[in-house]
Every structure is written in structure tokens, then in C-alpha cells.
Amino acid sequence: MALDEAGRFRLTTKLADTLGQDDAGFARVDAQFAQVAISFAHVDGRFFQVDAKLSDLRTELHKTLRVHFLALITTMVAMNTMMVSIVALLK
């Protein structure tokens, strides 16, 4: 079954239309991937902000624990000194 000139033209036109639609579809997919890449870049930026805040919190926690630890040690030394003094007075 051979195609005449008009049949070949219609087939070529149909094929060109189909390929054009495919190209348009791929262009839409590429645009969506670009949007996803932008969204991921935004999320990465937010993670960096969270990491920086966690680092700040960690530093603040270490400072606070150090202060409380030193206060506890000082209190324990003072209490032991008082206990030794009381025992010495009761003898």
C-alpha cells in the first residue's frame, strides 16, 4: 500500500505535530524540574539557617552548663566546709 503525495504530506504533517507536542511536553517537564531545583535550593537555605541556630543554641547550652556546674561545685565545697566546721565545734 503506497502513499500518494497527499498521504505522505498528511503523514509528515501529523508526525511533525506529534513531535512538536512532545517537545512542548518536554519543555513543560524541564520547567517543572527547574521549579523543583529552586524549591530545593530554598529548602537547603532554610537548613543552613536551622544549623546556624542549633550551633548557637549548643554554644549557649555549654556556657550555661559550665556556669551551673561551677556554682554547684562552689556550693558543695561551701557545704563541706560548714560540715567540717560544725563537726569540729561539736567535739
C-alpha atoms as a PDB file:
ATOM      1  CA  MET A   1       0.000   0.000   0.000  1.00  0.00           C
ATOM      2  CA  ALA A   2       1.866   3.021  -1.285  1.00  0.00           C
ATOM      3  CA  LEU A   3       1.047   6.502  -0.150  1.00  0.00           C
ATOM      4  CA  ASP A   4       0.379   9.173  -2.686  1.00  0.00           C
ATOM      5  CA  GLU A   5       1.884  12.647  -2.368  1.00  0.00           C
ATOM      6  CA  ALA A   6      -1.066  13.989  -0.333  1.00  0.00           C
ATOM      7  CA  GLY A   7      -0.913  10.983   2.022  1.00  0.00           C
ATOM      8  CA  ARG A   8       2.787  11.477   2.588  1.00  0.00           C
ATOM      9  CA  PHE A   9       2.197  15.160   3.274  1.00  0.00           C
ATOM     10  CA  ARG A  10      -0.530  14.380   5.837  1.00  0.00           C
ATOM     11  CA  LEU A  11       1.681  11.755   7.469  1.00  0.00           C
ATOM     12  CA  THR A  12       4.626  14.156   7.609  1.00  0.00           C
ATOM     13  CA  THR A  13       2.402  16.919   8.999  1.00  0.00           C
ATOM     14  CA  LYS A  14       0.946  14.577  11.619  1.00  0.00           C
ATOM     15  CA  LEU A  15       4.422  13.389  12.610  1.00  0.00           C
ATOM     16  CA  ALA A  16       5.671  16.990  12.865  1.00  0.00           C
ATOM     17  CA  ASP A  17       2.642  17.910  15.018  1.00  0.00           C
ATOM     18  CA  THR A  18       3.234  14.919  17.284  1.00  0.00           C
ATOM     19  CA  LEU A  19       6.934  15.755  17.650  1.00  0.00           C
ATOM     20  CA  GLY A  20       6.033  19.375  18.355  1.00  0.00           C
ATOM     21  CA  GLN A  21       3.644  18.272  21.100  1.00  0.00           C
ATOM     22  CA  ASP A  22       6.349  16.023  22.529  1.00  0.00           C
ATOM     23  CA  ASP A  23       8.811  18.921  22.513  1.00  0.00           C
ATOM     24  CA  ALA A  24       6.267  21.133  24.267  1.00  0.00           C
ATOM     25  CA  GLY A  25       5.659  18.393  26.846  1.00  0.00           C
ATOM     26  CA  PHE A  26       9.377  18.030  27.495  1.00  0.00           C
ATOM     27  CA  ALA A  27       9.692  21.806  27.822  1.00  0.00           C
ATOM     28  CA  ARG A  28       6.955  21.769  30.496  1.00  0.00           C
ATOM     29  CA  VAL A  29       8.721  18.946  32.343  1.00  0.00           C
ATOM     30  CA  ASP A  30      12.021  20.860  32.146  1.00  0.00           C
ATOM     31  CA  ALA A  31      10.297  23.950  33.578  1.00  0.00           C
ATOM     32  CA  GLN A  32       8.839  21.881  36.419  1.00  0.00           C
ATOM     33  CA  PHE A  33      12.270  20.412  37.205  1.00  0.00           C
ATOM     34  CA  ALA A  34      13.681  23.934  37.273  1.00  0.00           C
ATOM     35  CA  GLN A  35      10.980  24.912  39.788  1.00  0.00           C
ATOM     36  CA  VAL A  36      11.812  21.850  41.896  1.00  0.00           C
ATOM     37  CA  ALA A  37      15.508  22.783  41.816  1.00  0.00           C
ATOM     38  CA  ILE A  38      14.630  26.301  43.008  1.00  0.00           C
ATOM     39  CA  SER A  39      12.480  24.841  45.783  1.00  0.00           C
ATOM     40  CA  PHE A  40      15.291  22.530  46.896  1.00  0.00           C
ATOM     41  CA  ALA A  41      17.717  25.456  46.931  1.00  0.00           C
ATOM     42  CA  HIS A  42      15.278  27.320  49.185  1.00  0.00           C
ATOM     43  CA  VAL A  43      14.976  24.299  51.494  1.00  0.00           C
ATOM     44  CA  ASP A  44      18.770  23.984  51.615  1.00  0.00           C
ATOM     45  CA  GLY A  45      18.978  27.625  52.650  1.00  0.00           C
ATOM     46  CA  ARG A  46      16.500  27.013  55.440  1.00  0.00           C
ATOM     47  CA  PHE A  47      18.521  24.011  56.658  1.00  0.00           C
ATOM     48  CA  PHE A  48      21.624  26.208  56.824  1.00  0.00           C
ATOM     49  CA  GLN A  49      19.661  28.690  58.945  1.00  0.00           C
ATOM     50  CA  VAL A  50      18.497  25.892  61.260  1.00  0.00           C
ATOM     51  CA  ASP A  51      22.054  24.552  61.533  1.00  0.00           C
ATOM     52  CA  ALA A  52      23.318  28.014  62.485  1.00  0.00           C
ATOM     53  CA  LYS A  53      20.613  28.391  65.142  1.00  0.00           C
ATOM     54  CA  LEU A  54      21.358  24.933  66.546  1.00  0.00           C
ATOM     55  CA  SER A  55      25.043  25.805  66.717  1.00  0.00           C
ATOM     56  CA  ASP A  56      24.182  28.986  68.621  1.00  0.00           C
ATOM     57  CA  LEU A  57      21.944  27.027  70.989  1.00  0.00           C
ATOM     58  CA  ARG A  58      24.660  24.447  71.546  1.00  0.00           C
ATOM     59  CA  THR A  59      27.143  27.183  72.435  1.00  0.00           C
ATOM     60  CA  GLU A  60      24.662  28.815  74.814  1.00  0.00           C
ATOM     61  CA  LEU A  61      23.891  25.440  76.431  1.00  0.00           C
ATOM     62  CA  HIS A  62      27.583  24.750  77.026  1.00  0.00           C
ATOM     63  CA  LYS A  63      28.050  28.175  78.617  1.00  0.00           C
ATOM     64  CA  THR A  64      25.003  27.709  80.863  1.00  0.00           C
ATOM     65  CA  LEU A  65      26.023  24.197  81.917  1.00  0.00           C
ATOM     66  CA  ARG A  66      29.523  25.453  82.743  1.00  0.00           C
ATOM     67  CA  VAL A  67      28.145  28.236  84.942  1.00  0.00           C
ATOM     68  CA  HIS A  68      25.752  25.875  86.730  1.00  0.00           C
ATOM     69  CA  PHE A  69      28.433  23.239  87.204  1.00  0.00           C
ATOM     70  CA  LEU A  70      30.809  25.777  88.761  1.00  0.00           C
ATOM     71  CA  ALA A  71      28.021  27.071  91.014  1.00  0.00           C
ATOM     72  CA  LEU A  72      27.240  23.507  92.124  1.00  0.00           C
ATOM     73  CA  ILE A  73      30.898  22.756  92.869  1.00  0.00           C
ATOM     74  CA  THR A  74      31.216  26.012  94.834  1.00  0.00           C
ATOM     75  CA  THR A  75      28.087  25.194  96.833  1.00  0.00           C
ATOM     76  CA  MET A  76      29.327  21.673  97.566  1.00  0.00           C
ATOM     77  CA  VAL A  77      32.700  22.987  98.782  1.00  0.00           C
ATOM     78  CA  ALA A  78      30.977  25.553 100.989  1.00  0.00           C
ATOM     79  CA  MET A  79      28.618  22.918 102.435  1.00  0.00           C
ATOM     80  CA  ASN A  80      31.507  20.545 103.147  1.00  0.00           C
ATOM     81  CA  THR A  81      33.467  23.334 104.817  1.00  0.00           C
ATOM     82  CA  MET A  82      30.440  24.112 107.003  1.00  0.00           C
ATOM     83  CA  MET A  83      30.011  20.443 107.918  1.00  0.00           C
ATOM     84  CA  VAL A  84      33.674  20.108 108.862  1.00  0.00           C
ATOM     85  CA  SER A  85      33.415  23.300 110.949  1.00  0.00           C
ATOM     86  CA  ILE A  86      30.261  22.063 112.723  1.00  0.00           C
ATOM     87  CA  VAL A  87      31.856  18.683 113.469  1.00  0.00           C
ATOM     88  CA  ALA A  88      34.976  20.449 114.789  1.00  0.00           C
ATOM     89  CA  LEU A  89      32.839  22.684 117.061  1.00  0.00           C
ATOM     90  CA  LEU A  90      30.872  19.723 118.425  1.00  0.00           C
ATOM     91  CA  LYS A  91      33.993  17.879 119.553  1.00  0.00           C
END
